[in-house]
Amino acid sequence: MDRQIITYILRFILLVLIQVFVLNNIQFSGILNPYIYVYFLIMLPVDFRPTVGLIVGFLLGLTMDMFCQTLGMHTIAATFAAYCRPYILTYMAPRDGYEFSRVPGVRQMGWLWFLTYAAIIVFLHHFVLFFIEMFRVTGLLLTLGKSLGSSLMTMSLIVVIQLIFARSGKSNSYE
């Protein structure tokens, strides 16, 4: 089996376990919930086929739904994030395009590009997740507030992960 595929499988398992056993138990007044598992979708290579990305997003969300017993909420949010990802990458593409098999990360793309790209995906994921949770338009401001707050918490964790792996020089093995 290819080393890169094994790395992605281990990352998938690690992020789901961290989410289920640690982060799902962290809530600040029921409004702020960090969802780090979306980092898996963010770190897929830029040339990842969109159809495969949808399947991966679906499986990631389905796995979270099985552990969290949320009846498809994570599946819909993760699949939506995976659907939007190619469009975001196309919109944010450098003038010369991306290098083949490039993985989005701070070392490869720079802080501004990475934070913008990750924040868009994280916010879209969180907004869909919380909108489905509330499932009414009258609570749109609450949904927006929860999405922004939880996105900030999730982005903080993503920045910490990027700092750890960018500094240690292990970004090639992890990203």
C-alpha atoms as a PDB file:
ATOM      1  CA  MET A   1       0.000   0.000   0.000  1.00  0.00           C
ATOM      2  CA  ASP A   2       1.228   3.473  -0.797  1.00  0.00           C
ATOM      3  CA  ARG A   3       2.759   5.371   2.144  1.00  0.00           C
ATOM      4  CA  GLN A   4       0.653   8.446   1.453  1.00  0.00           C
ATOM      5  CA  ILE A   5      -2.594   6.451   1.611  1.00  0.00           C
ATOM      6  CA  ILE A   6      -1.559   4.988   4.960  1.00  0.00           C
ATOM      7  CA  THR A   7      -0.797   8.507   6.201  1.00  0.00           C
ATOM      8  CA  TYR A   8      -4.273   9.693   5.188  1.00  0.00           C
ATOM      9  CA  ILE A   9      -5.947   6.690   6.826  1.00  0.00           C
ATOM     10  CA  LEU A  10      -4.039   7.310  10.059  1.00  0.00           C
ATOM     11  CA  ARG A  11      -4.897  11.029   9.929  1.00  0.00           C
ATOM     12  CA  PHE A  12      -8.572  10.165   9.388  1.00  0.00           C
ATOM     13  CA  ILE A  13      -8.603   7.823  12.388  1.00  0.00           C
ATOM     14  CA  LEU A  14      -6.634  10.212  14.608  1.00  0.00           C
ATOM     15  CA  LEU A  15      -8.822  13.242  13.860  1.00  0.00           C
ATOM     16  CA  VAL A  16     -12.042  11.279  14.378  1.00  0.00           C
ATOM     17  CA  LEU A  17     -10.777   9.860  17.696  1.00  0.00           C
ATOM     18  CA  ILE A  18      -9.664  13.294  18.919  1.00  0.00           C
ATOM     19  CA  GLN A  19     -13.030  14.721  17.920  1.00  0.00           C
ATOM     20  CA  VAL A  20     -15.091  11.968  19.527  1.00  0.00           C
ATOM     21  CA  PHE A  21     -13.185  11.425  22.764  1.00  0.00           C
ATOM     22  CA  VAL A  22     -11.827  14.897  23.496  1.00  0.00           C
ATOM     23  CA  LEU A  23     -13.444  17.739  21.579  1.00  0.00           C
ATOM     24  CA  ASN A  24     -17.042  16.505  21.700  1.00  0.00           C
ATOM     25  CA  ASN A  25     -16.778  16.844  25.479  1.00  0.00           C
ATOM     26  CA  ILE A  26     -15.715  20.484  25.209  1.00  0.00           C
ATOM     27  CA  GLN A  27     -18.555  22.983  24.906  1.00  0.00           C
ATOM     28  CA  PHE A  28     -18.623  26.542  26.052  1.00  0.00           C
ATOM     29  CA  SER A  29     -22.177  27.375  27.130  1.00  0.00           C
ATOM     30  CA  GLY A  30     -23.566  25.149  24.378  1.00  0.00           C
ATOM     31  CA  ILE A  31     -22.565  27.662  21.730  1.00  0.00           C
ATOM     32  CA  LEU A  32     -18.907  27.015  20.899  1.00  0.00           C
ATOM     33  CA  ASN A  33     -18.012  23.536  19.706  1.00  0.00           C
ATOM     34  CA  PRO A  34     -14.663  22.863  18.020  1.00  0.00           C
ATOM     35  CA  TYR A  35     -14.889  20.393  15.111  1.00  0.00           C
ATOM     36  CA  ILE A  36     -11.319  19.523  14.139  1.00  0.00           C
ATOM     37  CA  TYR A  37     -12.248  16.567  11.933  1.00  0.00           C
ATOM     38  CA  VAL A  38     -12.915  18.979   9.040  1.00  0.00           C
ATOM     39  CA  TYR A  39      -9.118  19.474   8.967  1.00  0.00           C
ATOM     40  CA  PHE A  40      -8.962  16.144   7.130  1.00  0.00           C
ATOM     41  CA  LEU A  41     -10.835  17.639   4.162  1.00  0.00           C
ATOM     42  CA  ILE A  42      -8.733  20.790   4.256  1.00  0.00           C
ATOM     43  CA  MET A  43      -5.496  18.823   3.997  1.00  0.00           C
ATOM     44  CA  LEU A  44      -6.409  16.711   0.966  1.00  0.00           C
ATOM     45  CA  PRO A  45      -4.138  17.384  -2.054  1.00  0.00           C
ATOM     46  CA  VAL A  46      -5.263  20.190  -4.356  1.00  0.00           C
ATOM     47  CA  ASP A  47      -5.484  17.804  -7.322  1.00  0.00           C
ATOM     48  CA  PHE A  48      -7.755  15.376  -5.439  1.00  0.00           C
ATOM     49  CA  ARG A  49     -10.614  14.350  -7.724  1.00  0.00           C
ATOM     50  CA  PRO A  50     -13.870  16.102  -6.716  1.00  0.00           C
ATOM     51  CA  THR A  51     -15.955  12.932  -6.972  1.00  0.00           C
ATOM     52  CA  VAL A  52     -13.577  11.063  -4.687  1.00  0.00           C
ATOM     53  CA  GLY A  53     -13.576  14.107  -2.401  1.00  0.00           C
ATOM     54  CA  LEU A  54     -17.365  13.877  -2.108  1.00  0.00           C
ATOM     55  CA  ILE A  55     -17.117  10.212  -1.179  1.00  0.00           C
ATOM     56  CA  VAL A  56     -14.404  10.963   1.389  1.00  0.00           C
ATOM     57  CA  GLY A  57     -16.474  13.827   2.833  1.00  0.00           C
ATOM     58  CA  PHE A  58     -19.508  11.564   3.019  1.00  0.00           C
ATOM     59  CA  LEU A  59     -17.543   8.806   4.783  1.00  0.00           C
ATOM     60  CA  LEU A  60     -15.966  11.286   7.193  1.00  0.00           C
ATOM     61  CA  GLY A  61     -19.344  12.744   8.117  1.00  0.00           C
ATOM     62  CA  LEU A  62     -20.951   9.307   8.335  1.00  0.00           C
ATOM     63  CA  THR A  63     -18.215   8.151  10.703  1.00  0.00           C
ATOM     64  CA  MET A  64     -18.807  11.185  12.913  1.00  0.00           C
ATOM     65  CA  ASP A  65     -22.561  10.593  12.829  1.00  0.00           C
ATOM     66  CA  MET A  66     -22.093   6.996  13.937  1.00  0.00           C
ATOM     67  CA  PHE A  67     -20.018   8.058  16.928  1.00  0.00           C
ATOM     68  CA  CYS A  68     -22.114  11.125  17.806  1.00  0.00           C
ATOM     69  CA  GLN A  69     -25.556   9.702  16.961  1.00  0.00           C
ATOM     70  CA  THR A  70     -26.494  12.863  15.072  1.00  0.00           C
ATOM     71  CA  LEU A  71     -28.613  11.300  12.309  1.00  0.00           C
ATOM     72  CA  GLY A  72     -26.801  12.642   9.247  1.00  0.00           C
ATOM     73  CA  MET A  73     -25.964  16.175  10.340  1.00  0.00           C
ATOM     74  CA  HIS A  74     -22.198  15.683  10.102  1.00  0.00           C
ATOM     75  CA  THR A  75     -22.612  13.727   6.861  1.00  0.00           C
ATOM     76  CA  ILE A  76     -24.440  16.598   5.192  1.00  0.00           C
ATOM     77  CA  ALA A  77     -22.013  19.242   6.521  1.00  0.00           C
ATOM     78  CA  ALA A  78     -18.853  17.306   5.595  1.00  0.00           C
ATOM     79  CA  THR A  79     -20.203  16.399   2.148  1.00  0.00           C
ATOM     80  CA  PHE A  80     -21.136  20.046   1.539  1.00  0.00           C
ATOM     81  CA  ALA A  81     -17.624  21.159   2.579  1.00  0.00           C
ATOM     82  CA  ALA A  82     -16.115  18.540   0.243  1.00  0.00           C
ATOM     83  CA  TYR A  83     -18.399  19.768  -2.548  1.00  0.00           C
ATOM     84  CA  CYS A  84     -17.337  23.404  -2.077  1.00  0.00           C
ATOM     85  CA  ARG A  85     -13.621  22.616  -1.728  1.00  0.00           C
ATOM     86  CA  PRO A  86     -12.734  22.391  -5.484  1.00  0.00           C
ATOM     87  CA  TYR A  87     -14.527  25.676  -6.186  1.00  0.00           C
ATOM     88  CA  ILE A  88     -12.681  27.403  -3.350  1.00  0.00           C
ATOM     89  CA  LEU A  89      -9.357  26.005  -4.581  1.00  0.00           C
ATOM     90  CA  THR A  90     -10.115  27.161  -8.125  1.00  0.00           C
ATOM     91  CA  TYR A  91     -11.047  30.631  -6.923  1.00  0.00           C
ATOM     92  CA  MET A  92      -7.909  30.896  -4.774  1.00  0.00           C
ATOM     93  CA  ALA A  93      -5.518  29.350  -7.316  1.00  0.00           C
ATOM     94  CA  PRO A  94      -2.199  31.142  -7.845  1.00  0.00           C
ATOM     95  CA  ARG A  95      -1.644  32.765 -11.235  1.00  0.00           C
ATOM     96  CA  ASP A  96       0.593  29.884 -12.371  1.00  0.00           C
ATOM     97  CA  GLY A  97      -1.727  27.233 -10.924  1.00  0.00           C
ATOM     98  CA  TYR A  98      -0.942  24.649  -8.304  1.00  0.00           C
ATOM     99  CA  GLU A  99       1.927  22.196  -8.391  1.00  0.00           C
ATOM    100  CA  PHE A 100       0.859  18.611  -8.982  1.00  0.00           C
ATOM    101  CA  SER A 101      -0.076  16.790  -5.740  1.00  0.00           C
ATOM    102  CA  ARG A 102       0.479  19.889  -3.617  1.00  0.00           C
ATOM    103  CA  VAL A 103      -1.004  19.642  -0.149  1.00  0.00           C
ATOM    104  CA  PRO A 104      -2.467  22.855   1.255  1.00  0.00           C
ATOM    105  CA  GLY A 105      -0.394  23.899   4.220  1.00  0.00           C
ATOM    106  CA  VAL A 106       1.408  26.857   5.688  1.00  0.00           C
ATOM    107  CA  ARG A 107       4.831  25.734   4.498  1.00  0.00           C
ATOM    108  CA  GLN A 108       3.597  25.164   0.961  1.00  0.00           C
ATOM    109  CA  MET A 109       1.157  28.033   0.456  1.00  0.00           C
ATOM    110  CA  GLY A 110       1.865  30.647   3.135  1.00  0.00           C
ATOM    111  CA  TRP A 111      -0.136  31.820   6.121  1.00  0.00           C
ATOM    112  CA  LEU A 112      -2.535  34.211   4.377  1.00  0.00           C
ATOM    113  CA  TRP A 113      -3.544  31.764   1.670  1.00  0.00           C
ATOM    114  CA  PHE A 114      -3.879  28.837   4.077  1.00  0.00           C
ATOM    115  CA  LEU A 115      -5.852  30.726   6.733  1.00  0.00           C
ATOM    116  CA  THR A 116      -8.261  32.134   4.132  1.00  0.00           C
ATOM    117  CA  TYR A 117      -8.765  28.746   2.481  1.00  0.00           C
ATOM    118  CA  ALA A 118      -9.203  26.863   5.775  1.00  0.00           C
ATOM    119  CA  ALA A 119     -11.473  29.505   7.305  1.00  0.00           C
ATOM    120  CA  ILE A 120     -13.849  29.407   4.338  1.00  0.00           C
ATOM    121  CA  ILE A 121     -14.163  25.626   4.451  1.00  0.00           C
ATOM    122  CA  VAL A 122     -14.481  25.539   8.242  1.00  0.00           C
ATOM    123  CA  PHE A 123     -17.140  28.255   8.272  1.00  0.00           C
ATOM    124  CA  LEU A 124     -19.187  26.619   5.503  1.00  0.00           C
ATOM    125  CA  HIS A 125     -19.035  23.282   7.310  1.00  0.00           C
ATOM    126  CA  HIS A 126     -20.017  24.782  10.647  1.00  0.00           C
ATOM    127  CA  PHE A 127     -22.799  26.927   9.207  1.00  0.00           C
ATOM    128  CA  VAL A 128     -24.430  23.953   7.472  1.00  0.00           C
ATOM    129  CA  LEU A 129     -24.005  21.792  10.576  1.00  0.00           C
ATOM    130  CA  PHE A 130     -25.580  24.330  12.923  1.00  0.00           C
ATOM    131  CA  PHE A 131     -28.285  25.308  10.446  1.00  0.00           C
ATOM    132  CA  ILE A 132     -29.353  21.672  10.166  1.00  0.00           C
ATOM    133  CA  GLU A 133     -29.214  21.380  13.938  1.00  0.00           C
ATOM    134  CA  MET A 134     -31.519  24.380  14.404  1.00  0.00           C
ATOM    135  CA  PHE A 135     -33.458  23.817  11.143  1.00  0.00           C
ATOM    136  CA  ARG A 136     -35.378  27.049  11.146  1.00  0.00           C
ATOM    137  CA  VAL A 137     -34.753  30.430   9.591  1.00  0.00           C
ATOM    138  CA  THR A 138     -35.864  32.343  12.690  1.00  0.00           C
ATOM    139  CA  GLY A 139     -32.720  31.221  14.501  1.00  0.00           C
ATOM    140  CA  LEU A 140     -30.418  32.425  11.732  1.00  0.00           C
ATOM    141  CA  LEU A 141     -28.578  34.918  13.959  1.00  0.00           C
ATOM    142  CA  LEU A 142     -27.949  32.249  16.602  1.00  0.00           C
ATOM    143  CA  THR A 143     -26.775  29.860  13.881  1.00  0.00           C
ATOM    144  CA  LEU A 144     -24.466  32.526  12.499  1.00  0.00           C
ATOM    145  CA  GLY A 145     -23.077  33.269  15.969  1.00  0.00           C
ATOM    146  CA  LYS A 146     -22.476  29.595  16.738  1.00  0.00           C
ATOM    147  CA  SER A 147     -20.857  29.148  13.326  1.00  0.00           C
ATOM    148  CA  LEU A 148     -18.506  32.098  13.779  1.00  0.00           C
ATOM    149  CA  GLY A 149     -17.534  31.204  17.348  1.00  0.00           C
ATOM    150  CA  SER A 150     -17.008  27.525  16.640  1.00  0.00           C
ATOM    151  CA  SER A 151     -15.117  28.361  13.447  1.00  0.00           C
ATOM    152  CA  LEU A 152     -12.736  30.572  15.446  1.00  0.00           C
ATOM    153  CA  MET A 153     -12.140  27.769  17.944  1.00  0.00           C
ATOM    154  CA  THR A 154     -11.595  25.224  15.177  1.00  0.00           C
ATOM    155  CA  MET A 155      -9.276  27.576  13.289  1.00  0.00           C
ATOM    156  CA  SER A 156      -7.253  28.109  16.479  1.00  0.00           C
ATOM    157  CA  LEU A 157      -6.722  24.355  16.741  1.00  0.00           C
ATOM    158  CA  ILE A 158      -5.812  24.142  13.048  1.00  0.00           C
ATOM    159  CA  VAL A 159      -3.237  26.923  13.481  1.00  0.00           C
ATOM    160  CA  VAL A 160      -1.723  25.060  16.446  1.00  0.00           C
ATOM    161  CA  ILE A 161      -1.487  21.873  14.374  1.00  0.00           C
ATOM    162  CA  GLN A 162       0.123  23.782  11.505  1.00  0.00           C
ATOM    163  CA  LEU A 163       2.615  25.434  13.874  1.00  0.00           C
ATOM    164  CA  ILE A 164       3.593  22.123  15.443  1.00  0.00           C
ATOM    165  CA  PHE A 165       4.150  20.307  12.175  1.00  0.00           C
ATOM    166  CA  ALA A 166       5.656  23.252  10.289  1.00  0.00           C
ATOM    167  CA  ARG A 167       8.215  23.854  13.040  1.00  0.00           C
ATOM    168  CA  SER A 168       9.189  20.245  13.547  1.00  0.00           C
ATOM    169  CA  GLY A 169       9.886  19.864   9.852  1.00  0.00           C
ATOM    170  CA  LYS A 170       7.522  16.892   9.702  1.00  0.00           C
ATOM    171  CA  SER A 171       5.003  18.625   7.486  1.00  0.00           C
ATOM    172  CA  ASN A 172       5.897  16.417   4.534  1.00  0.00           C
ATOM    173  CA  SER A 173       5.033  13.297   6.483  1.00  0.00           C
ATOM    174  CA  TYR A 174       1.849  14.709   7.973  1.00  0.00           C
ATOM    175  CA  GLU A 175       0.526  16.973   5.243  1.00  0.00           C
END
